[in-house]
Amino acid sequence: MCFSPEASFAGGVIISSIGIFTIRKVHNPSQIVFASIPLFFGIQQFAEGCLWLTLPLPDYLSMQKISTYIFMVMAQVIWPSMIPLSVLLMEENPGKKKFLRILLVMGIALSLYYASCLILFDVTPRIMGYHIQYDTGFPHSLSIAAFIVYLIVTITPLFISSIKRTHLMGILMFLSCLVTAIFFTQFLTSVWCFFAAVLSGVIYWILRDSKRDFNLAKLKIFNTH
């Protein structure tokens, strides 16, 4: 999280708790990946909390590196694939599933690109005021194209999905990215992940309503018999 270690750890606890409650709302195995997203965000916030604590302490360099790469793997390797996959698994419309498969392939390709960058280039986090900046040696010539693909594979699936209220989550994700890009350009990775983590509460809302509708449908079927 982009403010302090206390905020990161508090956010990690709250978001992980939301994740546990969200998983309890799962009524179909196809929802498990989508329901797990808040838990992954919680882990990411804990990792950044550890980074806040260890960056001022040179003796904890190994912990700094572990926390950095946990955060970066979550942000740049897991999310581009996990989000389109989670939406694809829940989708029942054949036409939309076809489009979502294309986005998943793009997401996997981007995940592999970022994974290779994390292996080949150094990542240097530093505290700047109330934010953590992640300086990478990734190829600058591909950075804009990679970021555009990132936006496409993490936001577009939410608009394609026929699941109720995923469109709202897509709108909020886009607006949070826009605000971050305008006001926190240097800290885009950290700040947008914070906004996205907060929005993971919408996932609980989506699955809560989905389970309610499922139970009502079962009740109607039971009553007809």
Protein backbone atom coordinates (compact mmCIF):
# COMPACT_ATOMS: atom_id res chain seq x y z
CA MET A 1 0.00 0.00 0.00
CA CYS A 2 1.21 3.47 -0.78
CA PHE A 3 1.11 5.27 2.58
CA SER A 4 2.89 3.45 5.43
CA PRO A 5 3.72 -0.01 6.80
CA GLU A 6 0.79 0.25 9.23
CA ALA A 7 -1.57 0.97 6.34
CA SER A 8 -0.16 -1.92 4.31
CA PHE A 9 -0.52 -4.46 7.10
CA ALA A 10 -3.98 -3.19 8.08
CA GLY A 11 -5.01 -3.34 4.43
CA GLY A 12 -3.59 -6.85 4.15
CA VAL A 13 -5.62 -8.03 7.14
CA ILE A 14 -8.85 -6.39 5.95
CA ILE A 15 -8.52 -7.50 2.33
CA SER A 16 -7.54 -11.06 3.32
CA SER A 17 -10.58 -11.20 5.61
CA ILE A 18 -12.76 -10.08 2.72
CA GLY A 19 -11.12 -12.83 0.68
CA ILE A 20 -12.07 -15.49 3.24
CA PHE A 21 -15.67 -14.30 3.33
CA THR A 22 -15.71 -14.14 -0.47
CA ILE A 23 -14.55 -17.74 -0.84
CA ARG A 24 -17.36 -18.78 1.52
CA LYS A 25 -19.83 -17.34 -0.99
CA VAL A 26 -18.64 -19.70 -3.74
CA HIS A 27 -21.41 -22.06 -4.87
CA ASN A 28 -19.78 -23.27 -8.09
CA PRO A 29 -16.20 -24.49 -8.61
CA SER A 30 -15.91 -22.12 -11.59
CA GLN A 31 -15.98 -19.18 -9.14
CA ILE A 32 -13.00 -20.26 -7.02
CA VAL A 33 -10.31 -18.39 -8.99
CA PHE A 34 -12.39 -15.18 -9.06
CA ALA A 35 -13.15 -15.49 -5.34
CA SER A 36 -9.44 -15.95 -4.55
CA ILE A 37 -8.47 -12.56 -5.99
CA PRO A 38 -8.91 -10.63 -2.68
CA LEU A 39 -6.70 -13.18 -0.87
CA PHE A 40 -3.95 -12.64 -3.43
CA PHE A 41 -4.31 -8.88 -3.02
CA GLY A 42 -4.00 -9.37 0.74
CA ILE A 43 -0.71 -11.26 0.28
CA GLN A 44 0.51 -8.49 -1.99
CA GLN A 45 -0.23 -5.85 0.65
CA PHE A 46 1.57 -7.86 3.35
CA ALA A 47 4.60 -8.10 1.04
CA GLU A 48 4.67 -4.34 0.56
CA GLY A 49 4.26 -3.85 4.32
CA CYS A 50 7.42 -5.93 4.84
CA LEU A 51 9.13 -3.81 2.22
CA TRP A 52 8.24 -0.61 4.09
CA LEU A 53 9.86 -2.04 7.23
CA THR A 54 13.02 -3.45 5.64
CA LEU A 55 13.96 -0.79 3.08
CA PRO A 56 15.53 1.53 5.70
CA LEU A 57 17.51 -1.43 7.14
CA PRO A 58 20.50 -2.57 5.02
CA ASP A 59 20.91 -5.71 7.16
CA TYR A 60 17.61 -7.05 5.84
CA LEU A 61 18.52 -7.04 2.16
CA SER A 62 17.37 -10.63 1.59
CA MET A 63 13.95 -9.86 3.07
CA GLN A 64 13.76 -6.73 0.91
CA LYS A 65 14.36 -8.81 -2.22
CA ILE A 66 11.85 -11.48 -1.24
CA SER A 67 9.17 -8.87 -0.48
CA THR A 68 9.93 -6.97 -3.69
CA TYR A 69 9.62 -10.01 -5.90
CA ILE A 70 6.47 -11.28 -4.18
CA PHE A 71 4.89 -7.89 -4.85
CA MET A 72 6.14 -7.65 -8.44
CA VAL A 73 5.21 -11.23 -9.34
CA MET A 74 1.70 -10.57 -8.04
CA ALA A 75 1.40 -7.25 -9.86
CA GLN A 76 2.95 -8.14 -13.19
CA VAL A 77 2.91 -11.91 -13.59
CA ILE A 78 -0.18 -13.20 -11.79
CA TRP A 79 -2.79 -10.51 -12.49
CA PRO A 80 -2.54 -10.41 -16.32
CA SER A 81 -3.40 -14.11 -16.45
CA MET A 82 -5.53 -14.59 -13.36
CA ILE A 83 -8.14 -11.93 -14.09
CA PRO A 84 -9.09 -13.08 -17.63
CA LEU A 85 -8.91 -16.73 -16.48
CA SER A 86 -11.22 -16.09 -13.51
CA VAL A 87 -13.81 -14.36 -15.71
CA LEU A 88 -13.53 -17.01 -18.46
CA LEU A 89 -14.18 -19.84 -16.00
CA MET A 90 -17.44 -18.22 -14.83
CA GLU A 91 -18.71 -17.22 -18.28
CA GLU A 92 -21.42 -19.36 -19.90
CA ASN A 93 -21.99 -17.41 -23.12
CA PRO A 94 -20.09 -19.24 -25.94
CA GLY A 95 -19.40 -16.05 -27.93
CA LYS A 96 -18.04 -14.21 -24.91
CA LYS A 97 -15.97 -17.24 -23.87
CA LYS A 98 -14.28 -17.14 -27.29
CA PHE A 99 -13.26 -13.51 -26.82
CA LEU A 100 -12.16 -14.18 -23.23
CA ARG A 101 -9.90 -17.01 -24.42
CA ILE A 102 -8.14 -14.55 -26.72
CA LEU A 103 -7.63 -12.16 -23.79
CA LEU A 104 -6.34 -15.04 -21.66
CA VAL A 105 -3.75 -15.94 -24.30
CA MET A 106 -2.68 -12.27 -24.40
CA GLY A 107 -2.52 -12.23 -20.59
CA ILE A 108 -0.38 -15.37 -20.45
CA ALA A 109 1.98 -13.92 -23.05
CA LEU A 110 2.29 -10.71 -21.03
CA SER A 111 2.85 -12.69 -17.82
CA LEU A 112 5.67 -14.59 -19.50
CA TYR A 113 7.18 -11.34 -20.76
CA TYR A 114 7.13 -9.77 -17.30
CA ALA A 115 8.42 -12.98 -15.71
CA SER A 116 11.40 -12.97 -18.07
CA CYS A 117 12.02 -9.29 -17.29
CA LEU A 118 12.01 -10.01 -13.55
CA ILE A 119 14.59 -12.74 -14.14
CA LEU A 120 16.82 -10.73 -16.47
CA PHE A 121 16.63 -7.23 -14.95
CA ASP A 122 16.91 -5.77 -11.48
CA VAL A 123 14.04 -4.19 -9.59
CA THR A 124 14.98 -1.46 -7.11
CA PRO A 125 12.28 -0.28 -4.69
CA ARG A 126 12.72 2.98 -2.80
CA ILE A 127 10.64 4.96 -0.37
CA MET A 128 9.78 8.40 -1.68
CA GLY A 129 7.64 10.36 0.75
CA TYR A 130 4.50 8.34 1.40
CA HIS A 131 4.96 5.98 -1.53
CA ILE A 132 7.17 3.16 -2.75
CA GLN A 133 8.64 3.54 -6.21
CA TYR A 134 9.72 0.44 -8.11
CA ASP A 135 12.54 1.21 -10.54
CA THR A 136 13.03 -1.52 -13.12
CA GLY A 137 15.50 -2.08 -15.91
CA PHE A 138 12.78 -3.42 -18.20
CA PRO A 139 13.14 -2.43 -21.90
CA HIS A 140 11.76 1.10 -22.29
CA SER A 141 10.86 0.49 -25.93
CA LEU A 142 8.26 -2.09 -24.88
CA SER A 143 6.99 -0.47 -21.67
CA ILE A 144 4.08 1.48 -23.18
CA ALA A 145 2.92 -1.43 -25.36
CA ALA A 146 3.16 -3.81 -22.40
CA PHE A 147 1.16 -1.44 -20.20
CA ILE A 148 -1.57 -1.09 -22.84
CA VAL A 149 -1.85 -4.88 -23.09
CA TYR A 150 -1.92 -5.01 -19.28
CA LEU A 151 -4.90 -2.65 -19.19
CA ILE A 152 -6.68 -4.64 -21.90
CA VAL A 153 -6.30 -8.05 -20.24
CA THR A 154 -7.09 -6.90 -16.69
CA ILE A 155 -10.03 -4.57 -17.37
CA THR A 156 -11.70 -5.65 -20.63
CA PRO A 157 -12.77 -9.11 -19.31
CA LEU A 158 -14.88 -7.39 -16.68
CA PHE A 159 -16.81 -5.54 -19.40
CA ILE A 160 -17.21 -8.64 -21.55
CA SER A 161 -18.51 -10.82 -18.72
CA SER A 162 -22.23 -11.47 -18.45
CA ILE A 163 -21.91 -11.88 -14.67
CA LYS A 164 -23.92 -9.24 -12.83
CA ARG A 165 -21.94 -6.19 -11.62
CA THR A 166 -18.58 -7.14 -13.14
CA HIS A 167 -19.11 -4.12 -15.42
CA LEU A 168 -19.17 -1.89 -12.33
CA MET A 169 -15.88 -3.36 -11.18
CA GLY A 170 -14.44 -2.74 -14.65
CA ILE A 171 -15.49 0.93 -14.53
CA LEU A 172 -13.99 1.39 -11.07
CA MET A 173 -10.75 -0.32 -12.13
CA PHE A 174 -10.45 1.95 -15.15
CA LEU A 175 -11.17 5.12 -13.17
CA SER A 176 -8.69 4.15 -10.44
CA CYS A 177 -6.04 3.53 -13.10
CA LEU A 178 -6.78 6.90 -14.69
CA VAL A 179 -6.50 8.72 -11.35
CA THR A 180 -3.26 6.90 -10.56
CA ALA A 181 -1.74 7.62 -13.97
CA ILE A 182 -2.57 11.34 -13.67
CA PHE A 183 -1.67 12.02 -10.04
CA PHE A 184 0.76 9.22 -9.08
CA THR A 185 2.62 8.52 -12.33
CA GLN A 186 5.91 7.64 -10.64
CA PHE A 187 4.21 5.23 -8.25
CA LEU A 188 1.79 3.60 -10.67
CA THR A 189 2.58 0.00 -9.72
CA SER A 190 2.14 0.54 -5.99
CA VAL A 191 -0.78 2.98 -5.97
CA TRP A 192 -2.94 1.26 -8.60
CA CYS A 193 -2.46 -2.07 -6.83
CA PHE A 194 -3.73 -0.38 -3.68
CA PHE A 195 -6.84 0.91 -5.46
CA ALA A 196 -7.42 -2.46 -7.09
CA ALA A 197 -7.07 -4.20 -3.72
CA VAL A 198 -9.71 -1.92 -2.20
CA LEU A 199 -12.00 -2.69 -5.14
CA SER A 200 -11.69 -6.39 -4.39
CA GLY A 201 -14.58 -5.80 -2.00
CA VAL A 202 -16.77 -5.60 -5.12
CA ILE A 203 -15.87 -9.24 -5.79
CA TYR A 204 -17.50 -10.20 -2.48
CA TRP A 205 -20.61 -8.25 -3.50
CA ILE A 206 -20.74 -9.96 -6.91
CA LEU A 207 -20.43 -13.47 -5.47
CA ARG A 208 -22.79 -12.74 -2.58
CA ASP A 209 -25.51 -11.73 -5.03
CA SER A 210 -24.68 -14.67 -7.27
CA LYS A 211 -25.11 -17.10 -4.38
CA ARG A 212 -28.38 -15.43 -3.36
CA ASP A 213 -29.74 -15.75 -6.90
CA PHE A 214 -28.58 -19.36 -7.02
CA ASN A 215 -30.37 -20.17 -3.77
CA LEU A 216 -33.53 -18.44 -4.95
CA ALA A 217 -33.45 -20.42 -8.19
CA LYS A 218 -33.07 -23.66 -6.26
CA LEU A 219 -35.96 -22.66 -3.99
CA LYS A 220 -38.21 -21.99 -6.99
CA ILE A 221 -37.34 -25.38 -8.51
CA PHE A 222 -38.03 -27.07 -5.19
CA ASN A 223 -41.41 -25.33 -4.87
CA THR A 224 -42.47 -26.32 -8.38
CA HIS A 225 -42.03 -29.95 -7.39
